C-alpha atoms as a PDB file:
ATOM      1  CA  MET A   1      -0.599  32.024 -22.344  1.00  0.00           C
ATOM      2  CA  THR A   2       1.992  32.325 -25.095  1.00  0.00           C
ATOM      3  CA  GLN A   3       4.866  29.824 -24.846  1.00  0.00           C
ATOM      4  CA  ILE A   4       8.078  31.726 -24.072  1.00  0.00           C
ATOM      5  CA  VAL A   5      11.321  30.177 -25.357  1.00  0.00           C
ATOM      6  CA  GLU A   6      15.023  30.947 -25.259  1.00  0.00           C
ATOM      7  CA  LEU A   7      17.387  30.450 -28.184  1.00  0.00           C
ATOM      8  CA  SER A   8      21.081  30.201 -27.385  1.00  0.00           C
ATOM      9  CA  THR A   9      24.043  30.366 -29.697  1.00  0.00           C
ATOM     10  CA  THR A  10      27.761  31.071 -29.363  1.00  0.00           C
ATOM     11  CA  THR A  11      30.172  33.179 -31.388  1.00  0.00           C
ATOM     12  CA  GLU A  12      33.925  33.606 -31.590  1.00  0.00           C
ATOM     13  CA  THR A  13      33.965  37.328 -30.791  1.00  0.00           C
ATOM     14  CA  PHE A  14      31.947  39.842 -28.801  1.00  0.00           C
ATOM     15  CA  GLU A  15      31.411  41.846 -32.006  1.00  0.00           C
ATOM     16  CA  GLN A  16      29.832  38.837 -33.739  1.00  0.00           C
ATOM     17  CA  ALA A  17      27.570  38.279 -30.726  1.00  0.00           C
ATOM     18  CA  GLN A  18      26.578  41.930 -30.691  1.00  0.00           C
ATOM     19  CA  MET A  19      25.809  41.889 -34.430  1.00  0.00           C
ATOM     20  CA  LEU A  20      23.580  38.812 -34.082  1.00  0.00           C
ATOM     21  CA  ALA A  21      21.870  40.228 -30.984  1.00  0.00           C
ATOM     22  CA  ARG A  22      20.989  43.482 -32.729  1.00  0.00           C
ATOM     23  CA  LEU A  23      19.771  41.602 -35.790  1.00  0.00           C
ATOM     24  CA  MET A  24      17.495  39.371 -33.689  1.00  0.00           C
ATOM     25  CA  VAL A  25      15.969  42.307 -31.806  1.00  0.00           C
ATOM     26  CA  GLU A  26      15.689  44.612 -34.839  1.00  0.00           C
ATOM     27  CA  SER A  27      13.892  41.855 -36.767  1.00  0.00           C
ATOM     28  CA  GLN A  28      11.327  41.649 -33.928  1.00  0.00           C
ATOM     29  CA  LEU A  29      11.969  37.921 -33.591  1.00  0.00           C
ATOM     30  CA  ALA A  30      13.566  38.337 -30.143  1.00  0.00           C
ATOM     31  CA  ALA A  31      12.465  40.743 -27.427  1.00  0.00           C
ATOM     32  CA  CYS A  32      15.949  40.906 -25.931  1.00  0.00           C
ATOM     33  CA  VAL A  33      19.273  39.117 -26.194  1.00  0.00           C
ATOM     34  CA  GLN A  34      21.745  38.755 -23.364  1.00  0.00           C
ATOM     35  CA  ILE A  35      25.424  38.360 -24.220  1.00  0.00           C
ATOM     36  CA  THR A  36      27.710  36.629 -21.733  1.00  0.00           C
ATOM     37  CA  GLY A  37      31.353  35.745 -21.891  1.00  0.00           C
ATOM     38  CA  PRO A  38      33.984  35.087 -22.496  1.00  0.00           C
ATOM     39  CA  ILE A  39      33.271  31.412 -21.876  1.00  0.00           C
ATOM     40  CA  GLN A  40      35.443  28.391 -22.612  1.00  0.00           C
ATOM     41  CA  SER A  41      34.078  25.669 -24.889  1.00  0.00           C
ATOM     42  CA  VAL A  42      35.497  22.188 -25.430  1.00  0.00           C
ATOM     43  CA  TYR A  43      34.082  20.323 -28.425  1.00  0.00           C
ATOM     44  CA  ARG A  44      34.864  17.842 -31.163  1.00  0.00           C
ATOM     45  CA  TRP A  45      35.235  19.270 -34.673  1.00  0.00           C
ATOM     46  CA  GLN A  46      36.308  17.302 -37.754  1.00  0.00           C
ATOM     47  CA  GLY A  47      37.675  14.482 -35.608  1.00  0.00           C
ATOM     48  CA  ALA A  48      39.746  16.624 -33.241  1.00  0.00           C
ATOM     49  CA  VAL A  49      39.027  17.827 -29.724  1.00  0.00           C
ATOM     50  CA  CYS A  50      39.139  21.625 -29.773  1.00  0.00           C
ATOM     51  CA  GLU A  51      38.972  24.417 -27.223  1.00  0.00           C
ATOM     52  CA  ALA A  52      37.795  27.942 -27.879  1.00  0.00           C
ATOM     53  CA  THR A  53      36.917  31.157 -26.140  1.00  0.00           C
ATOM     54  CA  GLU A  54      33.382  32.155 -27.120  1.00  0.00           C
ATOM     55  CA  PHE A  55      30.533  34.501 -26.286  1.00  0.00           C
ATOM     56  CA  ARG A  56      27.011  33.225 -25.635  1.00  0.00           C
ATOM     57  CA  CYS A  57      23.823  34.908 -26.850  1.00  0.00           C
ATOM     58  CA  VAL A  58      20.528  33.986 -25.191  1.00  0.00           C
ATOM     59  CA  ALA A  59      17.474  35.379 -26.978  1.00  0.00           C
ATOM     60  CA  LYS A  60      14.005  35.672 -25.432  1.00  0.00           C
ATOM     61  CA  SER A  61      11.264  34.854 -27.926  1.00  0.00           C
ATOM     62  CA  THR A  62       8.036  32.906 -28.408  1.00  0.00           C
ATOM     63  CA  GLN A  63       7.255  29.514 -29.874  1.00  0.00           C
ATOM     64  CA  SER A  64       5.478  31.168 -32.806  1.00  0.00           C
ATOM     65  CA  CYS A  65       8.649  33.106 -33.771  1.00  0.00           C
ATOM     66  CA  ILE A  66      11.299  30.490 -33.064  1.00  0.00           C
ATOM     67  CA  GLU A  67      11.551  28.840 -36.498  1.00  0.00           C
ATOM     68  CA  ARG A  68      12.054  32.205 -38.208  1.00  0.00           C
ATOM     69  CA  LEU A  69      14.530  33.277 -35.514  1.00  0.00           C
ATOM     70  CA  MET A  70      16.546  30.080 -35.933  1.00  0.00           C
ATOM     71  CA  ALA A  71      16.589  30.518 -39.724  1.00  0.00           C
ATOM     72  CA  LEU A  72      17.783  34.122 -39.395  1.00  0.00           C
ATOM     73  CA  VAL A  73      20.587  33.258 -36.976  1.00  0.00           C
ATOM     74  CA  ASP A  74      21.632  30.238 -39.049  1.00  0.00           C
ATOM     75  CA  GLU A  75      21.821  32.394 -42.197  1.00  0.00           C
ATOM     76  CA  LYS A  76      23.819  35.238 -40.611  1.00  0.00           C
ATOM     77  CA  HIS A  77      26.010  33.226 -38.228  1.00  0.00           C
ATOM     78  CA  PRO A  78      29.732  33.091 -39.083  1.00  0.00           C
ATOM     79  CA  TYR A  79      30.091  29.415 -38.027  1.00  0.00           C
ATOM     80  CA  ASP A  80      29.557  26.549 -40.496  1.00  0.00           C
ATOM     81  CA  VAL A  81      27.472  24.674 -37.905  1.00  0.00           C
ATOM     82  CA  PRO A  82      26.257  27.167 -35.299  1.00  0.00           C
ATOM     83  CA  GLU A  83      24.862  26.098 -31.948  1.00  0.00           C
ATOM     84  CA  LEU A  84      21.116  26.741 -32.103  1.00  0.00           C
ATOM     85  CA  LEU A  85      19.506  25.422 -28.927  1.00  0.00           C
ATOM     86  CA  VAL A  86      15.892  26.165 -28.006  1.00  0.00           C
ATOM     87  CA  VAL A  87      14.632  25.769 -24.451  1.00  0.00           C
ATOM     88  CA  GLU A  88      10.988  26.137 -23.453  1.00  0.00           C
ATOM     89  CA  VAL A  89      10.641  28.392 -20.425  1.00  0.00           C
ATOM     90  CA  VAL A  90       8.591  26.530 -17.806  1.00  0.00           C
ATOM     91  CA  GLY A  91       7.909  29.582 -15.686  1.00  0.00           C
ATOM     92  CA  CYS A  92       7.732  33.288 -16.393  1.00  0.00           C
ATOM     93  CA  SER A  93       5.986  36.210 -14.750  1.00  0.00           C
ATOM     94  CA  PRO A  94       2.851  37.209 -16.665  1.00  0.00           C
ATOM     95  CA  ALA A  95       4.097  40.793 -16.966  1.00  0.00           C
ATOM     96  CA  TYR A  96       7.448  39.732 -18.483  1.00  0.00           C
ATOM     97  CA  ALA A  97       5.750  37.287 -20.862  1.00  0.00           C
ATOM     98  CA  GLN A  98       3.393  40.062 -21.985  1.00  0.00           C
ATOM     99  CA  TRP A  99       6.341  42.404 -22.528  1.00  0.00           C
ATOM    100  CA  ILE A 100       8.036  39.790 -24.749  1.00  0.00           C
ATOM    101  CA  VAL A 101       4.853  39.314 -26.778  1.00  0.00           C
ATOM    102  CA  GLU A 102       4.446  43.087 -27.207  1.00  0.00           C
ATOM    103  CA  GLN A 103       8.042  43.517 -28.422  1.00  0.00           C
ATOM    104  CA  LEU A 104       7.470  40.888 -31.094  1.00  0.00           C
ATOM    105  CA  GLY A 105       4.309  42.575 -32.326  1.00  0.00           C
ATOM    106  CA  GLU A 106       2.168  39.550 -31.537  1.00  0.00           C
END
């Protein structure tokens, strides 16, 4: 069975999240992207502790597409150092996994 993965990233605005989500799906590198938020993030940036309101995108994809998906998001993301976290899905219904594969043209 194809390895299903999730890529997550965060953006400053809902509009940025929506733009990235559409780009990921239109490129056929993600079958779907869920946008959640607003969320609160606390992080260290350039030596200072910062807080920000952000929106999270979680993209459903496959292991064979993930490098290209990460490169696309990294190139189009408005942040200098965007969060690009990949998680392997350890369980998925066969029907949903097949749907993901079909959406990616695999």
